[in-house]
């Protein structure tokens, strides 16, 4: 699974920032999403900003699975994550 590692994108945990910063992060992530790649979006306001910018509204506390900038599964649990990962040979 690919993760983001960039000082320009990741905000310090629980640091104060403006909603505009979350919007900028979401825009960057969306612009750099690859087609045919699953993205597991975690809980929290910054992560959910990505989904909101894609026009998707989900539970702020849940994990959501995205493929080609569309919602595949919402508020998924660990077994469901393993199902998708193993189905695609990523495990």
PDB file of N, CA and C in Angstrom:
ATOM      1  N   UNK A   1       0.835  -1.153   0.000  1.00  0.00           N
ATOM      2  CA  UNK A   1       0.000   0.000   0.000  1.00  0.00           C
ATOM      3  C   UNK A   1       0.891   1.230   0.000  1.00  0.00           C
ATOM      4  N   UNK A   2       0.624   2.177  -0.866  1.00  0.00           N
ATOM      5  CA  UNK A   2       1.385   3.417  -0.919  1.00  0.00           C
ATOM      6  C   UNK A   2       0.864   4.374   0.157  1.00  0.00           C
ATOM      7  N   UNK A   3       1.786   5.091   0.775  1.00  0.00           N
ATOM      8  CA  UNK A   3       1.394   6.140   1.708  1.00  0.00           C
ATOM      9  C   UNK A   3       2.115   7.422   1.328  1.00  0.00           C
ATOM     10  N   UNK A   4       1.577   8.515   1.788  1.00  0.00           N
ATOM     11  CA  UNK A   4       2.169   9.812   1.478  1.00  0.00           C
ATOM     12  C   UNK A   4       3.263  10.114   2.479  1.00  0.00           C
ATOM     13  N   UNK A   5       4.404  10.529   1.971  1.00  0.00           N
ATOM     14  CA  UNK A   5       5.489  10.974   2.839  1.00  0.00           C
ATOM     15  C   UNK A   5       6.044  12.252   2.233  1.00  0.00           C
ATOM     16  N   UNK A   6       5.601  13.362   2.778  1.00  0.00           N
ATOM     17  CA  UNK A   6       6.034  14.649   2.258  1.00  0.00           C
ATOM     18  C   UNK A   6       5.837  15.712   3.327  1.00  0.00           C
ATOM     19  N   UNK A   7       6.880  16.429   3.596  1.00  0.00           N
ATOM     20  CA  UNK A   7       6.774  17.520   4.560  1.00  0.00           C
ATOM     21  C   UNK A   7       5.847  18.623   4.092  1.00  0.00           C
ATOM     22  N   UNK A   8       5.601  18.685   2.791  1.00  0.00           N
ATOM     23  CA  UNK A   8       4.719  19.711   2.254  1.00  0.00           C
ATOM     24  C   UNK A   8       3.253  19.341   2.367  1.00  0.00           C
ATOM     25  N   UNK A   9       2.955  18.075   2.630  1.00  0.00           N
ATOM     26  CA  UNK A   9       1.571  17.622   2.616  1.00  0.00           C
ATOM     27  C   UNK A   9       1.079  17.226   4.002  1.00  0.00           C
ATOM     28  N   UNK A  10       1.894  16.558   4.779  1.00  0.00           N
ATOM     29  CA  UNK A  10       1.471  16.026   6.067  1.00  0.00           C
ATOM     30  C   UNK A  10       1.590  17.102   7.146  1.00  0.00           C
ATOM     31  N   UNK A  11       0.511  17.253   7.903  1.00  0.00           N
ATOM     32  CA  UNK A  11       0.476  18.234   8.987  1.00  0.00           C
ATOM     33  C   UNK A  11       0.803  17.521  10.297  1.00  0.00           C
ATOM     34  N   UNK A  12       1.504  18.211  11.194  1.00  0.00           N
ATOM     35  CA  UNK A  12       1.797  17.636  12.504  1.00  0.00           C
ATOM     36  C   UNK A  12       0.505  17.213  13.184  1.00  0.00           C
ATOM     37  N   UNK A  13       0.568  16.092  13.882  1.00  0.00           N
ATOM     38  CA  UNK A  13      -0.604  15.545  14.546  1.00  0.00           C
ATOM     39  C   UNK A  13      -1.232  16.562  15.489  1.00  0.00           C
ATOM     40  N   UNK A  14      -2.513  16.769  15.317  1.00  0.00           N
ATOM     41  CA  UNK A  14      -3.320  17.643  16.179  1.00  0.00           C
ATOM     42  C   UNK A  14      -2.835  19.094  16.191  1.00  0.00           C
ATOM     43  N   UNK A  15      -2.041  19.476  15.209  1.00  0.00           N
ATOM     44  CA  UNK A  15      -1.590  20.860  15.113  1.00  0.00           C
ATOM     45  C   UNK A  15      -2.753  21.731  14.668  1.00  0.00           C
ATOM     46  N   UNK A  16      -2.705  22.984  15.066  1.00  0.00           N
ATOM     47  CA  UNK A  16      -3.741  23.908  14.630  1.00  0.00           C
ATOM     48  C   UNK A  16      -3.449  24.340  13.206  1.00  0.00           C
ATOM     49  N   UNK A  17      -4.464  24.310  12.373  1.00  0.00           N
ATOM     50  CA  UNK A  17      -4.323  24.747  10.996  1.00  0.00           C
ATOM     51  C   UNK A  17      -5.685  25.208  10.507  1.00  0.00           C
ATOM     52  N   UNK A  18      -5.669  25.943   9.447  1.00  0.00           N
ATOM     53  CA  UNK A  18      -6.926  26.451   8.910  1.00  0.00           C
ATOM     54  C   UNK A  18      -7.580  25.404   8.031  1.00  0.00           C
ATOM     55  N   UNK A  19      -8.892  25.530   7.837  1.00  0.00           N
ATOM     56  CA  UNK A  19      -9.597  24.605   6.955  1.00  0.00           C
ATOM     57  C   UNK A  19      -9.066  24.740   5.532  1.00  0.00           C
ATOM     58  N   UNK A  20      -8.555  25.925   5.189  1.00  0.00           N
ATOM     59  CA  UNK A  20      -7.955  26.127   3.879  1.00  0.00           C
ATOM     60  C   UNK A  20      -6.769  25.216   3.662  1.00  0.00           C
ATOM     61  N   UNK A  21      -5.983  24.986   4.707  1.00  0.00           N
ATOM     62  CA  UNK A  21      -4.836  24.078   4.616  1.00  0.00           C
ATOM     63  C   UNK A  21      -5.302  22.669   4.301  1.00  0.00           C
ATOM     64  N   UNK A  22      -6.370  22.226   4.947  1.00  0.00           N
ATOM     65  CA  UNK A  22      -6.916  20.890   4.682  1.00  0.00           C
ATOM     66  C   UNK A  22      -7.404  20.811   3.242  1.00  0.00           C
ATOM     67  N   UNK A  23      -7.987  21.879   2.755  1.00  0.00           N
ATOM     68  CA  UNK A  23      -8.449  21.920   1.371  1.00  0.00           C
ATOM     69  C   UNK A  23      -7.293  21.824   0.391  1.00  0.00           C
ATOM     70  N   UNK A  24      -6.192  22.509   0.707  1.00  0.00           N
ATOM     71  CA  UNK A  24      -4.999  22.447  -0.147  1.00  0.00           C
ATOM     72  C   UNK A  24      -4.422  21.037  -0.167  1.00  0.00           C
ATOM     73  N   UNK A  25      -4.391  20.395   0.990  1.00  0.00           N
ATOM     74  CA  UNK A  25      -3.885  19.025   1.082  1.00  0.00           C
ATOM     75  C   UNK A  25      -4.777  18.101   0.259  1.00  0.00           C
ATOM     76  N   UNK A  26      -6.086  18.239   0.425  1.00  0.00           N
ATOM     77  CA  UNK A  26      -7.034  17.398  -0.314  1.00  0.00           C
ATOM     78  C   UNK A  26      -6.863  17.581  -1.818  1.00  0.00           C
ATOM     79  N   UNK A  27      -6.719  18.811  -2.246  1.00  0.00           N
ATOM     80  CA  UNK A  27      -6.542  19.096  -3.674  1.00  0.00           C
ATOM     81  C   UNK A  27      -5.273  18.433  -4.208  1.00  0.00           C
ATOM     82  N   UNK A  28      -4.201  18.526  -3.444  1.00  0.00           N
ATOM     83  CA  UNK A  28      -2.936  17.901  -3.847  1.00  0.00           C
ATOM     84  C   UNK A  28      -3.095  16.379  -3.977  1.00  0.00           C
ATOM     85  N   UNK A  29      -3.729  15.765  -2.978  1.00  0.00           N
ATOM     86  CA  UNK A  29      -3.918  14.315  -2.986  1.00  0.00           C
ATOM     87  C   UNK A  29      -4.747  13.899  -4.201  1.00  0.00           C
ATOM     88  N   UNK A  30      -5.855  14.586  -4.423  1.00  0.00           N
ATOM     89  CA  UNK A  30      -6.741  14.252  -5.540  1.00  0.00           C
ATOM     90  C   UNK A  30      -6.023  14.412  -6.869  1.00  0.00           C
ATOM     91  N   UNK A  31      -5.275  15.489  -7.021  1.00  0.00           N
ATOM     92  CA  UNK A  31      -4.538  15.721  -8.274  1.00  0.00           C
ATOM     93  C   UNK A  31      -3.497  14.640  -8.550  1.00  0.00           C
ATOM     94  N   UNK A  32      -3.035  13.971  -7.505  1.00  0.00           N
ATOM     95  CA  UNK A  32      -1.982  12.970  -7.659  1.00  0.00           C
ATOM     96  C   UNK A  32      -2.472  11.536  -7.506  1.00  0.00           C
ATOM     97  N   UNK A  33      -3.782  11.339  -7.471  1.00  0.00           N
ATOM     98  CA  UNK A  33      -4.332   9.985  -7.397  1.00  0.00           C
ATOM     99  C   UNK A  33      -4.135   9.274  -8.731  1.00  0.00           C
ATOM    100  N   UNK A  34      -3.686   8.031  -8.671  1.00  0.00           N
ATOM    101  CA  UNK A  34      -3.521   7.207  -9.865  1.00  0.00           C
ATOM    102  C   UNK A  34      -4.824   6.460 -10.163  1.00  0.00           C
ATOM    103  N   UNK A  35      -5.124   6.285 -11.433  1.00  0.00           N
ATOM    104  CA  UNK A  35      -6.266   5.468 -11.822  1.00  0.00           C
ATOM    105  C   UNK A  35      -5.989   4.013 -11.489  1.00  0.00           C
ATOM    106  N   UNK A  36      -7.045   3.278 -11.240  1.00  0.00           N
ATOM    107  CA  UNK A  36      -6.979   1.838 -10.947  1.00  0.00           C
ATOM    108  C   UNK A  36      -6.138   1.524  -9.716  1.00  0.00           C
ATOM    109  N   UNK A  37      -6.073   2.469  -8.791  1.00  0.00           N
ATOM    110  CA  UNK A  37      -5.373   2.276  -7.521  1.00  0.00           C
ATOM    111  C   UNK A  37      -6.366   2.497  -6.391  1.00  0.00           C
ATOM    112  N   UNK A  38      -6.418   1.552  -5.458  1.00  0.00           N
ATOM    113  CA  UNK A  38      -7.283   1.721  -4.293  1.00  0.00           C
ATOM    114  C   UNK A  38      -6.639   2.691  -3.306  1.00  0.00           C
ATOM    115  N   UNK A  39      -7.469   3.528  -2.703  1.00  0.00           N
ATOM    116  CA  UNK A  39      -7.026   4.446  -1.656  1.00  0.00           C
ATOM    117  C   UNK A  39      -7.902   4.224  -0.438  1.00  0.00           C
ATOM    118  N   UNK A  40      -7.262   3.951   0.682  1.00  0.00           N
ATOM    119  CA  UNK A  40      -7.960   3.797   1.947  1.00  0.00           C
ATOM    120  C   UNK A  40      -7.867   5.132   2.671  1.00  0.00           C
ATOM    121  N   UNK A  41      -8.997   5.791   2.822  1.00  0.00           N
ATOM    122  CA  UNK A  41      -9.044   7.106   3.453  1.00  0.00           C
ATOM    123  C   UNK A  41      -9.472   6.915   4.901  1.00  0.00           C
ATOM    124  N   UNK A  42      -8.640   7.382   5.799  1.00  0.00           N
ATOM    125  CA  UNK A  42      -8.880   7.178   7.222  1.00  0.00           C
ATOM    126  C   UNK A  42      -9.800   8.218   7.833  1.00  0.00           C
ATOM    127  N   UNK A  43     -10.011   8.092   9.136  1.00  0.00           N
ATOM    128  CA  UNK A  43     -10.871   9.031   9.845  1.00  0.00           C
ATOM    129  C   UNK A  43     -10.187  10.379  10.055  1.00  0.00           C
ATOM    130  N   UNK A  44     -10.986  11.368  10.373  1.00  0.00           N
ATOM    131  CA  UNK A  44     -10.464  12.696  10.686  1.00  0.00           C
ATOM    132  C   UNK A  44     -10.875  13.731   9.658  1.00  0.00           C
ATOM    133  N   UNK A  45     -10.826  14.985  10.067  1.00  0.00           N
ATOM    134  CA  UNK A  45     -11.315  16.061   9.209  1.00  0.00           C
ATOM    135  C   UNK A  45     -10.452  16.281   7.974  1.00  0.00           C
ATOM    136  N   UNK A  46      -9.145  16.146   8.091  1.00  0.00           N
ATOM    137  CA  UNK A  46      -8.284  16.346   6.928  1.00  0.00           C
ATOM    138  C   UNK A  46      -8.520  15.248   5.896  1.00  0.00           C
ATOM    139  N   UNK A  47      -8.577  14.006   6.342  1.00  0.00           N
ATOM    140  CA  UNK A  47      -8.837  12.894   5.418  1.00  0.00           C
ATOM    141  C   UNK A  47     -10.215  13.028   4.782  1.00  0.00           C
ATOM    142  N   UNK A  48     -11.200  13.391   5.559  1.00  0.00           N
ATOM    143  CA  UNK A  48     -12.556  13.495   5.018  1.00  0.00           C
ATOM    144  C   UNK A  48     -12.693  14.669   4.051  1.00  0.00           C
ATOM    145  N   UNK A  49     -11.807  15.652   4.159  1.00  0.00           N
ATOM    146  CA  UNK A  49     -11.804  16.767   3.210  1.00  0.00           C
ATOM    147  C   UNK A  49     -11.519  16.257   1.794  1.00  0.00           C
ATOM    148  N   UNK A  50     -10.696  15.226   1.682  1.00  0.00           N
ATOM    149  CA  UNK A  50     -10.431  14.613   0.377  1.00  0.00           C
ATOM    150  C   UNK A  50     -11.743  14.112  -0.217  1.00  0.00           C
ATOM    151  N   UNK A  51     -12.498  13.376   0.598  1.00  0.00           N
ATOM    152  CA  UNK A  51     -13.764  12.823   0.121  1.00  0.00           C
ATOM    153  C   UNK A  51     -14.762  13.918  -0.215  1.00  0.00           C
ATOM    154  N   UNK A  52     -14.832  14.934   0.616  1.00  0.00           N
ATOM    155  CA  UNK A  52     -15.762  16.037   0.347  1.00  0.00           C
ATOM    156  C   UNK A  52     -15.430  16.712  -0.977  1.00  0.00           C
ATOM    157  N   UNK A  53     -14.146  16.871  -1.258  1.00  0.00           N
ATOM    158  CA  UNK A  53     -13.742  17.477  -2.537  1.00  0.00           C
ATOM    159  C   UNK A  53     -14.065  16.579  -3.727  1.00  0.00           C
ATOM    160  N   UNK A  54     -14.238  15.292  -3.470  1.00  0.00           N
ATOM    161  CA  UNK A  54     -14.659  14.364  -4.511  1.00  0.00           C
ATOM    162  C   UNK A  54     -16.191  14.270  -4.593  1.00  0.00           C
ATOM    163  N   UNK A  55     -16.869  14.995  -3.709  1.00  0.00           N
ATOM    164  CA  UNK A  55     -18.335  14.965  -3.696  1.00  0.00           C
ATOM    165  C   UNK A  55     -18.898  13.786  -2.927  1.00  0.00           C
ATOM    166  N   UNK A  56     -18.102  13.229  -2.005  1.00  0.00           N
ATOM    167  CA  UNK A  56     -18.503  12.052  -1.230  1.00  0.00           C
ATOM    168  C   UNK A  56     -18.588  12.444   0.242  1.00  0.00           C
ATOM    169  N   UNK A  57     -19.713  12.163   0.882  1.00  0.00           N
ATOM    170  CA  UNK A  57     -19.867  12.445   2.315  1.00  0.00           C
ATOM    171  C   UNK A  57     -20.015  11.119   3.053  1.00  0.00           C
ATOM    172  N   UNK A  58     -19.127  10.890   4.038  1.00  0.00           N
ATOM    173  CA  UNK A  58     -19.148   9.646   4.807  1.00  0.00           C
ATOM    174  C   UNK A  58     -18.985   9.956   6.292  1.00  0.00           C
ATOM    175  N   UNK A  59     -18.993   8.920   7.095  1.00  0.00           N
ATOM    176  CA  UNK A  59     -18.797   9.028   8.531  1.00  0.00           C
ATOM    177  C   UNK A  59     -17.373   9.526   8.810  1.00  0.00           C
ATOM    178  N   UNK A  60     -17.235  10.577   9.596  1.00  0.00           N
ATOM    179  CA  UNK A  60     -15.913  11.165   9.880  1.00  0.00           C
ATOM    180  C   UNK A  60     -15.012  10.204  10.650  1.00  0.00           C
ATOM    181  N   UNK A  61     -15.585   9.200  11.312  1.00  0.00           N
ATOM    182  CA  UNK A  61     -14.786   8.280  12.118  1.00  0.00           C
ATOM    183  C   UNK A  61     -14.426   6.991  11.388  1.00  0.00           C
ATOM    184  N   UNK A  62     -14.965   6.790  10.200  1.00  0.00           N
ATOM    185  CA  UNK A  62     -14.775   5.521   9.506  1.00  0.00           C
ATOM    186  C   UNK A  62     -13.664   5.551   8.473  1.00  0.00           C
ATOM    187  N   UNK A  63     -13.318   4.362   7.993  1.00  0.00           N
ATOM    188  CA  UNK A  63     -12.382   4.181   6.886  1.00  0.00           C
ATOM    189  C   UNK A  63     -13.186   3.942   5.617  1.00  0.00           C
ATOM    190  N   UNK A  64     -12.769   4.590   4.528  1.00  0.00           N
ATOM    191  CA  UNK A  64     -13.486   4.488   3.263  1.00  0.00           C
ATOM    192  C   UNK A  64     -12.513   4.077   2.166  1.00  0.00           C
ATOM    193  N   UNK A  65     -13.004   3.309   1.211  1.00  0.00           N
ATOM    194  CA  UNK A  65     -12.176   2.819   0.116  1.00  0.00           C
ATOM    195  C   UNK A  65     -12.593   3.517  -1.176  1.00  0.00           C
ATOM    196  N   UNK A  66     -11.593   4.074  -1.864  1.00  0.00           N
ATOM    197  CA  UNK A  66     -11.803   4.835  -3.094  1.00  0.00           C
ATOM    198  C   UNK A  66     -11.073   4.140  -4.234  1.00  0.00           C
ATOM    199  N   UNK A  67     -11.677   4.125  -5.401  1.00  0.00           N
ATOM    200  CA  UNK A  67     -11.044   3.630  -6.620  1.00  0.00           C
ATOM    201  C   UNK A  67     -11.487   4.538  -7.758  1.00  0.00           C
ATOM    202  N   UNK A  68     -10.530   5.057  -8.513  1.00  0.00           N
ATOM    203  CA  UNK A  68     -10.829   5.967  -9.623  1.00  0.00           C
ATOM    204  C   UNK A  68     -11.694   7.151  -9.182  1.00  0.00           C
ATOM    205  N   UNK A  69     -11.359   7.671  -7.996  1.00  0.00           N
ATOM    206  CA  UNK A  69     -12.021   8.847  -7.425  1.00  0.00           C
ATOM    207  C   UNK A  69     -13.504   8.630  -7.139  1.00  0.00           C
ATOM    208  N   UNK A  70     -13.884   7.351  -6.958  1.00  0.00           N
ATOM    209  CA  UNK A  70     -15.262   6.989  -6.619  1.00  0.00           C
ATOM    210  C   UNK A  70     -15.265   6.110  -5.381  1.00  0.00           C
ATOM    211  N   UNK A  71     -16.333   6.201  -4.612  1.00  0.00           N
ATOM    212  CA  UNK A  71     -16.471   5.410  -3.393  1.00  0.00           C
ATOM    213  C   UNK A  71     -16.758   3.952  -3.739  1.00  0.00           C
ATOM    214  N   UNK A  72     -15.935   3.049  -3.211  1.00  0.00           N
ATOM    215  CA  UNK A  72     -16.128   1.619  -3.379  1.00  0.00           C
ATOM    216  C   UNK A  72     -16.856   1.053  -2.173  1.00  0.00           C
ATOM    217  N   UNK A  73     -16.397   1.449  -0.975  1.00  0.00           N
ATOM    218  CA  UNK A  73     -16.991   0.967   0.266  1.00  0.00           C
ATOM    219  C   UNK A  73     -16.806   2.020   1.343  1.00  0.00           C
ATOM    220  N   UNK A  74     -17.816   2.162   2.178  1.00  0.00           N
ATOM    221  CA  UNK A  74     -17.805   3.199   3.209  1.00  0.00           C
ATOM    222  C   UNK A  74     -17.820   2.586   4.597  1.00  0.00           C
ATOM    223  N   UNK A  75     -17.120   3.245   5.525  1.00  0.00           N
ATOM    224  CA  UNK A  75     -17.109   2.847   6.931  1.00  0.00           C
ATOM    225  C   UNK A  75     -16.746   1.370   7.079  1.00  0.00           C
ATOM    226  N   UNK A  76     -15.652   0.965   6.434  1.00  0.00           N
ATOM    227  CA  UNK A  76     -15.282  -0.450   6.395  1.00  0.00           C
ATOM    228  C   UNK A  76     -14.447  -0.853   7.603  1.00  0.00           C
ATOM    229  N   UNK A  77     -14.539  -2.136   7.923  1.00  0.00           N
ATOM    230  CA  UNK A  77     -13.806  -2.683   9.052  1.00  0.00           C
ATOM    231  C   UNK A  77     -12.595  -3.477   8.556  1.00  0.00           C
ATOM    232  N   UNK A  78     -11.829  -3.998   9.504  1.00  0.00           N
ATOM    233  CA  UNK A  78     -10.591  -4.696   9.169  1.00  0.00           C
ATOM    234  C   UNK A  78     -10.803  -5.889   8.231  1.00  0.00           C
ATOM    235  N   UNK A  79     -11.771  -6.761   8.481  1.00  0.00           N
ATOM    236  CA  UNK A  79     -11.968  -7.886   7.553  1.00  0.00           C
ATOM    237  C   UNK A  79     -12.294  -7.434   6.124  1.00  0.00           C
ATOM    238  N   UNK A  80     -13.040  -6.362   6.000  1.00  0.00           N
ATOM    239  CA  UNK A  80     -13.374  -5.849   4.666  1.00  0.00           C
ATOM    240  C   UNK A  80     -12.134  -5.292   3.979  1.00  0.00           C
ATOM    241  N   UNK A  81     -11.294  -4.608   4.725  1.00  0.00           N
ATOM    242  CA  UNK A  81     -10.037  -4.095   4.161  1.00  0.00           C
ATOM    243  C   UNK A  81      -9.195  -5.279   3.666  1.00  0.00           C
ATOM    244  N   UNK A  82      -9.052  -6.316   4.498  1.00  0.00           N
ATOM    245  CA  UNK A  82      -8.288  -7.495   4.095  1.00  0.00           C
ATOM    246  C   UNK A  82      -8.893  -8.164   2.861  1.00  0.00           C
ATOM    247  N   UNK A  83     -10.217  -8.173   2.770  1.00  0.00           N
ATOM    248  CA  UNK A  83     -10.887  -8.757   1.604  1.00  0.00           C
ATOM    249  C   UNK A  83     -10.444  -8.058   0.318  1.00  0.00           C
ATOM    250  N   UNK A  84     -10.503  -6.727   0.293  1.00  0.00           N
ATOM    251  CA  UNK A  84     -10.116  -5.979  -0.903  1.00  0.00           C
ATOM    252  C   UNK A  84      -8.626  -6.122  -1.206  1.00  0.00           C
ATOM    253  N   UNK A  85      -7.812  -6.097  -0.172  1.00  0.00           N
ATOM    254  CA  UNK A  85      -6.369  -6.220  -0.354  1.00  0.00           C
ATOM    255  C   UNK A  85      -6.011  -7.591  -0.910  1.00  0.00           C
ATOM    256  N   UNK A  86      -6.588  -8.641  -0.338  1.00  0.00           N
ATOM    257  CA  UNK A  86      -6.276 -10.002  -0.793  1.00  0.00           C
ATOM    258  C   UNK A  86      -6.863 -10.281  -2.171  1.00  0.00           C
ATOM    259  N   UNK A  87      -8.020  -9.703  -2.465  1.00  0.00           N
ATOM    260  CA  UNK A  87      -8.656  -9.879  -3.772  1.00  0.00           C
ATOM    261  C   UNK A  87      -7.784  -9.322  -4.900  1.00  0.00           C
ATOM    262  N   UNK A  88      -7.060  -8.263  -4.619  1.00  0.00           N
ATOM    263  CA  UNK A  88      -6.202  -7.639  -5.622  1.00  0.00           C
ATOM    264  C   UNK A  88      -4.764  -8.144  -5.556  1.00  0.00           C
ATOM    265  N   UNK A  89      -4.512  -9.147  -4.709  1.00  0.00           N
ATOM    266  CA  UNK A  89      -3.164  -9.711  -4.631  1.00  0.00           C
ATOM    267  C   UNK A  89      -2.167  -8.773  -3.963  1.00  0.00           C
ATOM    268  N   UNK A  90      -2.645  -7.898  -3.094  1.00  0.00           N
ATOM    269  CA  UNK A  90      -1.774  -6.931  -2.425  1.00  0.00           C
ATOM    270  C   UNK A  90      -1.308  -7.416  -1.060  1.00  0.00           C
ATOM    271  N   UNK A  91      -1.750  -8.577  -0.660  1.00  0.00           N
ATOM    272  CA  UNK A  91      -1.426  -9.084   0.662  1.00  0.00           C
ATOM    273  C   UNK A  91      -0.272 -10.058   0.599  1.00  0.00           C
TER     274      UNK A  91
END
